Amino acid sequence: MSYDYSRKAKSLIKQGHLLKFETVSKYKNVTPALLLYFDNHTPIALEKSKWNEYSDIITHLLKNY
């Protein structure tokens, strides 16, 4: 069973730990990747198939920043 990075990322975002994000052509074995940086966790790379799940969350955070 693999670790659910998407669930962990959503939890950290909702707790206010997201510092920044960027898209990169490759991060470790994820190509392309949405790379999320947190103040209390190592970066989490998300596969392109997961990006849509984060667009609303990130848009909301940017409006309130």
Protein backbone atom coordinates (compact mmCIF):
# COMPACT_ATOMS: atom_id res chain seq x y z
CA MET A 1 0.00 0.00 0.00
CA SER A 2 1.38 3.43 -0.91
CA TYR A 3 1.28 6.51 1.28
CA ASP A 4 -1.56 8.91 0.46
CA TYR A 5 0.35 12.15 -0.21
CA SER A 6 -2.75 13.82 -1.61
CA ARG A 7 -4.64 13.39 1.66
CA LYS A 8 -1.65 14.64 3.67
CA ALA A 9 -1.25 17.67 1.37
CA LYS A 10 -4.92 18.63 1.70
CA SER A 11 -4.72 18.35 5.47
CA LEU A 12 -1.60 20.54 5.64
CA ILE A 13 -3.17 23.14 3.32
CA LYS A 14 -6.34 23.32 5.40
CA GLN A 15 -4.23 23.77 8.54
CA GLY A 16 -2.50 26.77 6.94
CA HIS A 17 0.96 25.26 6.39
CA LEU A 18 1.27 25.84 2.63
CA LEU A 19 4.07 28.31 1.89
CA LYS A 20 4.18 28.22 -1.91
CA PHE A 21 3.61 25.99 -4.92
CA GLU A 22 4.94 25.60 -8.43
CA THR A 23 4.71 23.30 -11.40
CA VAL A 24 7.89 21.55 -12.46
CA SER A 25 8.65 19.29 -15.40
CA LYS A 26 9.97 16.58 -13.07
CA TYR A 27 10.35 15.98 -9.35
CA LYS A 28 11.82 12.60 -8.42
CA ASN A 29 9.53 10.14 -10.23
CA VAL A 30 6.60 12.53 -10.84
CA THR A 31 6.47 14.05 -14.34
CA PRO A 32 5.09 16.76 -14.50
CA ALA A 33 4.48 17.70 -10.88
CA LEU A 34 2.62 20.27 -8.84
CA LEU A 35 5.12 20.84 -6.06
CA LEU A 36 3.73 22.04 -2.74
CA TYR A 37 6.00 23.54 -0.09
CA PHE A 38 5.03 23.55 3.58
CA ASP A 39 6.44 25.12 6.73
CA ASN A 40 6.34 21.82 8.64
CA HIS A 41 6.75 19.06 6.02
CA THR A 42 8.98 18.12 3.14
CA PRO A 43 7.72 19.17 -0.32
CA ILE A 44 4.92 17.05 -1.74
CA ALA A 45 4.77 16.41 -5.49
CA LEU A 46 1.38 15.68 -7.02
CA GLU A 47 0.76 13.99 -10.34
CA LYS A 48 -1.04 15.97 -13.03
CA SER A 49 -4.16 13.83 -12.58
CA LYS A 50 -4.55 15.34 -9.08
CA TRP A 51 -4.06 19.02 -10.01
CA ASN A 52 -7.75 19.79 -10.50
CA GLU A 53 -8.44 18.71 -6.93
CA TYR A 54 -6.20 21.54 -5.72
CA SER A 55 -7.20 24.40 -8.01
CA ASP A 56 -10.16 25.50 -5.86
CA ILE A 57 -8.20 25.17 -2.61
CA ILE A 58 -5.24 27.17 -3.89
CA THR A 59 -7.44 29.82 -5.56
CA HIS A 60 -9.31 30.32 -2.29
CA LEU A 61 -6.05 30.67 -0.36
CA LEU A 62 -4.65 33.19 -2.84
CA LYS A 63 -7.76 35.36 -2.56
CA ASN A 64 -7.45 35.41 1.22
CA TYR A 65 -3.69 36.00 1.30
